[in-house]
Amino acid sequence: MRLLLAIFLPFAVFFTIGRPIAGIICLILQVTLIGWLPAAIWAVYALGQYKTDEKIKEALKR
């Protein structure tokens, strides 16, 4: 679900993963039509990093 959000509303992903300042910067980038594609790529990348960090935290708990 977050992946679809990252493609269509990139700024919202940053708010769901706890990075509101990055979300505001992404929103400013997304406002321009040319900036929407880099914003979507950045959101997908950040989402991947977030998932990796969560997996590492889970592995260290064990």
PDB file of N, CA and C in Angstrom:
ATOM      1  N   MET A   1       0.813  -1.184   0.000  1.00  0.00           N
ATOM      2  CA  MET A   1       0.000   0.000   0.000  1.00  0.00           C
ATOM      3  C   MET A   1       0.865   1.259   0.000  1.00  0.00           C
ATOM      4  N   ARG A   2       1.925   1.225   0.797  1.00  0.00           N
ATOM      5  CA  ARG A   2       2.814   2.387   0.835  1.00  0.00           C
ATOM      6  C   ARG A   2       3.527   2.594  -0.492  1.00  0.00           C
ATOM      7  N   LEU A   3       3.751   1.531  -1.232  1.00  0.00           N
ATOM      8  CA  LEU A   3       4.403   1.676  -2.533  1.00  0.00           C
ATOM      9  C   LEU A   3       3.517   2.454  -3.499  1.00  0.00           C
ATOM     10  N   LEU A   4       2.243   2.171  -3.523  1.00  0.00           N
ATOM     11  CA  LEU A   4       1.318   2.942  -4.361  1.00  0.00           C
ATOM     12  C   LEU A   4       1.259   4.391  -3.905  1.00  0.00           C
ATOM     13  N   LEU A   5       1.289   4.588  -2.600  1.00  0.00           N
ATOM     14  CA  LEU A   5       1.303   5.940  -2.065  1.00  0.00           C
ATOM     15  C   LEU A   5       2.574   6.669  -2.486  1.00  0.00           C
ATOM     16  N   ALA A   6       3.689   5.946  -2.513  1.00  0.00           N
ATOM     17  CA  ALA A   6       4.963   6.551  -2.918  1.00  0.00           C
ATOM     18  C   ALA A   6       4.945   6.987  -4.379  1.00  0.00           C
ATOM     19  N   ILE A   7       4.199   6.296  -5.193  1.00  0.00           N
ATOM     20  CA  ILE A   7       4.148   6.646  -6.612  1.00  0.00           C
ATOM     21  C   ILE A   7       3.183   7.799  -6.865  1.00  0.00           C
ATOM     22  N   PHE A   8       2.014   7.767  -6.237  1.00  0.00           N
ATOM     23  CA  PHE A   8       0.992   8.770  -6.533  1.00  0.00           C
ATOM     24  C   PHE A   8       1.056  10.002  -5.623  1.00  0.00           C
ATOM     25  N   LEU A   9       1.409   9.820  -4.366  1.00  0.00           N
ATOM     26  CA  LEU A   9       1.549  10.931  -3.416  1.00  0.00           C
ATOM     27  C   LEU A   9       2.858  10.762  -2.646  1.00  0.00           C
ATOM     28  N   PRO A  10       3.970  11.052  -3.306  1.00  0.00           N
ATOM     29  CA  PRO A  10       5.272  10.780  -2.680  1.00  0.00           C
ATOM     30  C   PRO A  10       5.479  11.440  -1.315  1.00  0.00           C
ATOM     31  N   PHE A  11       4.999  12.665  -1.142  1.00  0.00           N
ATOM     32  CA  PHE A  11       5.235  13.349   0.123  1.00  0.00           C
ATOM     33  C   PHE A  11       4.572  12.644   1.300  1.00  0.00           C
ATOM     34  N   ALA A  12       3.458  11.971   1.072  1.00  0.00           N
ATOM     35  CA  ALA A  12       2.715  11.320   2.151  1.00  0.00           C
ATOM     36  C   ALA A  12       3.480  10.138   2.742  1.00  0.00           C
ATOM     37  N   VAL A  13       4.319   9.510   1.940  1.00  0.00           N
ATOM     38  CA  VAL A  13       5.090   8.361   2.437  1.00  0.00           C
ATOM     39  C   VAL A  13       6.020   8.789   3.563  1.00  0.00           C
ATOM     40  N   PHE A  14       6.622   9.954   3.421  1.00  0.00           N
ATOM     41  CA  PHE A  14       7.560  10.417   4.440  1.00  0.00           C
ATOM     42  C   PHE A  14       6.862  10.656   5.774  1.00  0.00           C
ATOM     43  N   PHE A  15       5.615  11.089   5.726  1.00  0.00           N
ATOM     44  CA  PHE A  15       4.868  11.270   6.964  1.00  0.00           C
ATOM     45  C   PHE A  15       4.520   9.926   7.598  1.00  0.00           C
ATOM     46  N   THR A  16       4.281   8.889   6.786  1.00  0.00           N
ATOM     47  CA  THR A  16       3.929   7.582   7.343  1.00  0.00           C
ATOM     48  C   THR A  16       5.135   6.853   7.921  1.00  0.00           C
ATOM     49  N   ILE A  17       6.346   7.205   7.471  1.00  0.00           N
ATOM     50  CA  ILE A  17       7.539   6.542   8.010  1.00  0.00           C
ATOM     51  C   ILE A  17       8.243   7.394   9.064  1.00  0.00           C
ATOM     52  N   GLY A  18       7.620   8.506   9.444  1.00  0.00           N
ATOM     53  CA  GLY A  18       8.163   9.304  10.535  1.00  0.00           C
ATOM     54  C   GLY A  18       9.238  10.295  10.130  1.00  0.00           C
ATOM     55  N   ARG A  19       9.184  10.813   8.920  1.00  0.00           N
ATOM     56  CA  ARG A  19      10.151  11.810   8.460  1.00  0.00           C
ATOM     57  C   ARG A  19       9.402  13.027   7.904  1.00  0.00           C
ATOM     58  N   PRO A  20       8.804  13.836   8.793  1.00  0.00           N
ATOM     59  CA  PRO A  20       7.952  14.939   8.326  1.00  0.00           C
ATOM     60  C   PRO A  20       8.709  16.051   7.605  1.00  0.00           C
ATOM     61  N   ILE A  21       9.936  16.334   7.986  1.00  0.00           N
ATOM     62  CA  ILE A  21      10.694  17.395   7.309  1.00  0.00           C
ATOM     63  C   ILE A  21      10.993  16.983   5.875  1.00  0.00           C
ATOM     64  N   ALA A  22      11.363  15.743   5.675  1.00  0.00           N
ATOM     65  CA  ALA A  22      11.580  15.237   4.320  1.00  0.00           C
ATOM     66  C   ALA A  22      10.269  15.254   3.542  1.00  0.00           C
ATOM     67  N   GLY A  23       9.155  15.017   4.217  1.00  0.00           N
ATOM     68  CA  GLY A  23       7.852  15.068   3.567  1.00  0.00           C
ATOM     69  C   GLY A  23       7.522  16.455   3.053  1.00  0.00           C
ATOM     70  N   ILE A  24       7.854  17.479   3.822  1.00  0.00           N
ATOM     71  CA  ILE A  24       7.617  18.856   3.391  1.00  0.00           C
ATOM     72  C   ILE A  24       8.500  19.208   2.204  1.00  0.00           C
ATOM     73  N   ILE A  25       9.773  18.803   2.257  1.00  0.00           N
ATOM     74  CA  ILE A  25      10.688  19.051   1.138  1.00  0.00           C
ATOM     75  C   ILE A  25      10.205  18.323  -0.105  1.00  0.00           C
ATOM     76  N   CYS A  26       9.745  17.108   0.062  1.00  0.00           N
ATOM     77  CA  CYS A  26       9.233  16.332  -1.068  1.00  0.00           C
ATOM     78  C   CYS A  26       7.970  16.962  -1.640  1.00  0.00           C
ATOM     79  N   LEU A  27       7.121  17.511  -0.785  1.00  0.00           N
ATOM     80  CA  LEU A  27       5.918  18.185  -1.257  1.00  0.00           C
ATOM     81  C   LEU A  27       6.271  19.395  -2.110  1.00  0.00           C
ATOM     82  N   ILE A  28       7.259  20.161  -1.675  1.00  0.00           N
ATOM     83  CA  ILE A  28       7.711  21.315  -2.456  1.00  0.00           C
ATOM     84  C   ILE A  28       8.254  20.850  -3.798  1.00  0.00           C
ATOM     85  N   LEU A  29       9.003  19.758  -3.799  1.00  0.00           N
ATOM     86  CA  LEU A  29       9.535  19.214  -5.045  1.00  0.00           C
ATOM     87  C   LEU A  29       8.413  18.691  -5.936  1.00  0.00           C
ATOM     88  N   GLN A  30       7.420  18.079  -5.335  1.00  0.00           N
ATOM     89  CA  GLN A  30       6.328  17.470  -6.092  1.00  0.00           C
ATOM     90  C   GLN A  30       5.400  18.513  -6.715  1.00  0.00           C
ATOM     91  N   VAL A  31       5.369  19.713  -6.195  1.00  0.00           N
ATOM     92  CA  VAL A  31       4.474  20.741  -6.714  1.00  0.00           C
ATOM     93  C   VAL A  31       4.743  21.021  -8.193  1.00  0.00           C
ATOM     94  N   THR A  32       5.991  20.958  -8.593  1.00  0.00           N
ATOM     95  CA  THR A  32       6.308  21.160 -10.005  1.00  0.00           C
ATOM     96  C   THR A  32       6.109  19.843 -10.743  1.00  0.00           C
ATOM     97  N   LEU A  33       5.670  19.927 -11.969  1.00  0.00           N
ATOM     98  CA  LEU A  33       5.435  18.715 -12.753  1.00  0.00           C
ATOM     99  C   LEU A  33       6.741  17.971 -13.014  1.00  0.00           C
ATOM    100  N   ILE A  34       7.806  18.704 -13.267  1.00  0.00           N
ATOM    101  CA  ILE A  34       9.104  18.074 -13.521  1.00  0.00           C
ATOM    102  C   ILE A  34       9.640  17.420 -12.244  1.00  0.00           C
ATOM    103  N   GLY A  35       9.340  18.008 -11.082  1.00  0.00           N
ATOM    104  CA  GLY A  35       9.840  17.488  -9.816  1.00  0.00           C
ATOM    105  C   GLY A  35       9.082  16.290  -9.292  1.00  0.00           C
ATOM    106  N   TRP A  36       7.928  15.985  -9.907  1.00  0.00           N
ATOM    107  CA  TRP A  36       7.134  14.868  -9.400  1.00  0.00           C
ATOM    108  C   TRP A  36       7.867  13.540  -9.574  1.00  0.00           C
ATOM    109  N   LEU A  37       8.505  13.325 -10.703  1.00  0.00           N
ATOM    110  CA  LEU A  37       9.215  12.064 -10.938  1.00  0.00           C
ATOM    111  C   LEU A  37      10.373  11.868  -9.957  1.00  0.00           C
ATOM    112  N   PRO A  38      11.247  12.873  -9.762  1.00  0.00           N
ATOM    113  CA  PRO A  38      12.285  12.680  -8.742  1.00  0.00           C
ATOM    114  C   PRO A  38      11.711  12.496  -7.337  1.00  0.00           C
ATOM    115  N   ALA A  39      10.598  13.165  -7.042  1.00  0.00           N
ATOM    116  CA  ALA A  39       9.968  13.006  -5.728  1.00  0.00           C
ATOM    117  C   ALA A  39       9.463  11.583  -5.545  1.00  0.00           C
ATOM    118  N   ALA A  40       8.874  11.011  -6.594  1.00  0.00           N
ATOM    119  CA  ALA A  40       8.381   9.636  -6.517  1.00  0.00           C
ATOM    120  C   ALA A  40       9.539   8.647  -6.364  1.00  0.00           C
ATOM    121  N   ILE A  41      10.604   8.874  -7.093  1.00  0.00           N
ATOM    122  CA  ILE A  41      11.785   7.998  -6.978  1.00  0.00           C
ATOM    123  C   ILE A  41      12.374   8.090  -5.580  1.00  0.00           C
ATOM    124  N   TRP A  42      12.474   9.309  -5.056  1.00  0.00           N
ATOM    125  CA  TRP A  42      13.008   9.521  -3.710  1.00  0.00           C
ATOM    126  C   TRP A  42      12.129   8.827  -2.668  1.00  0.00           C
ATOM    127  N   ALA A  43      10.825   8.901  -2.827  1.00  0.00           N
ATOM    128  CA  ALA A  43       9.907   8.269  -1.879  1.00  0.00           C
ATOM    129  C   ALA A  43      10.027   6.749  -1.913  1.00  0.00           C
ATOM    130  N   VAL A  44      10.148   6.178  -3.099  1.00  0.00           N
ATOM    131  CA  VAL A  44      10.304   4.724  -3.214  1.00  0.00           C
ATOM    132  C   VAL A  44      11.632   4.292  -2.589  1.00  0.00           C
ATOM    133  N   TYR A  45      12.687   5.059  -2.827  1.00  0.00           N
ATOM    134  CA  TYR A  45      13.992   4.756  -2.233  1.00  0.00           C
ATOM    135  C   TYR A  45      13.925   4.842  -0.703  1.00  0.00           C
ATOM    136  N   ALA A  46      13.313   5.906  -0.186  1.00  0.00           N
ATOM    137  CA  ALA A  46      13.196   6.075   1.265  1.00  0.00           C
ATOM    138  C   ALA A  46      12.361   4.963   1.884  1.00  0.00           C
ATOM    139  N   LEU A  47      11.337   4.529   1.184  1.00  0.00           N
ATOM    140  CA  LEU A  47      10.506   3.428   1.673  1.00  0.00           C
ATOM    141  C   LEU A  47      11.317   2.133   1.743  1.00  0.00           C
ATOM    142  N   GLY A  48      12.150   1.899   0.750  1.00  0.00           N
ATOM    143  CA  GLY A  48      13.019   0.722   0.767  1.00  0.00           C
ATOM    144  C   GLY A  48      14.011   0.762   1.918  1.00  0.00           C
ATOM    145  N   GLN A  49      14.573   1.940   2.169  1.00  0.00           N
ATOM    146  CA  GLN A  49      15.498   2.098   3.290  1.00  0.00           C
ATOM    147  C   GLN A  49      14.788   1.877   4.624  1.00  0.00           C
ATOM    148  N   TYR A  50      13.572   2.377   4.723  1.00  0.00           N
ATOM    149  CA  TYR A  50      12.787   2.213   5.945  1.00  0.00           C
ATOM    150  C   TYR A  50      12.521   0.738   6.225  1.00  0.00           C
ATOM    151  N   LYS A  51      12.150  -0.006   5.189  1.00  0.00           N
ATOM    152  CA  LYS A  51      11.883  -1.435   5.358  1.00  0.00           C
ATOM    153  C   LYS A  51      13.147  -2.183   5.764  1.00  0.00           C
ATOM    154  N   THR A  52      14.276  -1.800   5.178  1.00  0.00           N
ATOM    155  CA  THR A  52      15.550  -2.422   5.532  1.00  0.00           C
ATOM    156  C   THR A  52      15.906  -2.129   6.986  1.00  0.00           C
ATOM    157  N   ASP A  53      15.725  -0.882   7.413  1.00  0.00           N
ATOM    158  CA  ASP A  53      16.009  -0.522   8.796  1.00  0.00           C
ATOM    159  C   ASP A  53      15.123  -1.286   9.768  1.00  0.00           C
ATOM    160  N   GLU A  54      13.860  -1.474   9.410  1.00  0.00           N
ATOM    161  CA  GLU A  54      12.945  -2.223  10.275  1.00  0.00           C
ATOM    162  C   GLU A  54      13.373  -3.691  10.380  1.00  0.00           C
ATOM    163  N   LYS A  55      13.825  -4.265   9.281  1.00  0.00           N
ATOM    164  CA  LYS A  55      14.293  -5.653   9.314  1.00  0.00           C
ATOM    165  C   LYS A  55      15.541  -5.803  10.160  1.00  0.00           C
ATOM    166  N   ILE A  56      16.425  -4.834  10.096  1.00  0.00           N
ATOM    167  CA  ILE A  56      17.654  -4.863  10.914  1.00  0.00           C
ATOM    168  C   ILE A  56      17.303  -4.751  12.391  1.00  0.00           C
ATOM    169  N   LYS A  57      16.388  -3.853  12.735  1.00  0.00           N
ATOM    170  CA  LYS A  57      15.973  -3.707  14.125  1.00  0.00           C
ATOM    171  C   LYS A  57      15.347  -4.994  14.647  1.00  0.00           C
ATOM    172  N   GLU A  58      14.537  -5.633  13.817  1.00  0.00           N
ATOM    173  CA  GLU A  58      13.898  -6.893  14.213  1.00  0.00           C
ATOM    174  C   GLU A  58      14.936  -7.991  14.414  1.00  0.00           C
ATOM    175  N   ALA A  59      15.943  -8.038  13.537  1.00  0.00           N
ATOM    176  CA  ALA A  59      16.981  -9.063  13.653  1.00  0.00           C
ATOM    177  C   ALA A  59      17.835  -8.842  14.908  1.00  0.00           C
ATOM    178  N   LEU A  60      18.080  -7.600  15.270  1.00  0.00           N
ATOM    179  CA  LEU A  60      18.889  -7.325  16.446  1.00  0.00           C
ATOM    180  C   LEU A  60      18.144  -7.604  17.742  1.00  0.00           C
ATOM    181  N   LYS A  61      16.830  -7.580  17.705  1.00  0.00           N
ATOM    182  CA  LYS A  61      16.042  -7.895  18.895  1.00  0.00           C
ATOM    183  C   LYS A  61      16.146  -9.369  19.252  1.00  0.00           C
ATOM    184  N   ARG A  62      16.384 -10.205  18.243  1.00  0.00           N
ATOM    185  CA  ARG A  62      16.436 -11.655  18.474  1.00  0.00           C
ATOM    186  C   ARG A  62      17.720 -12.014  19.065  1.00  0.00           C
TER     187      ARG A  62
END
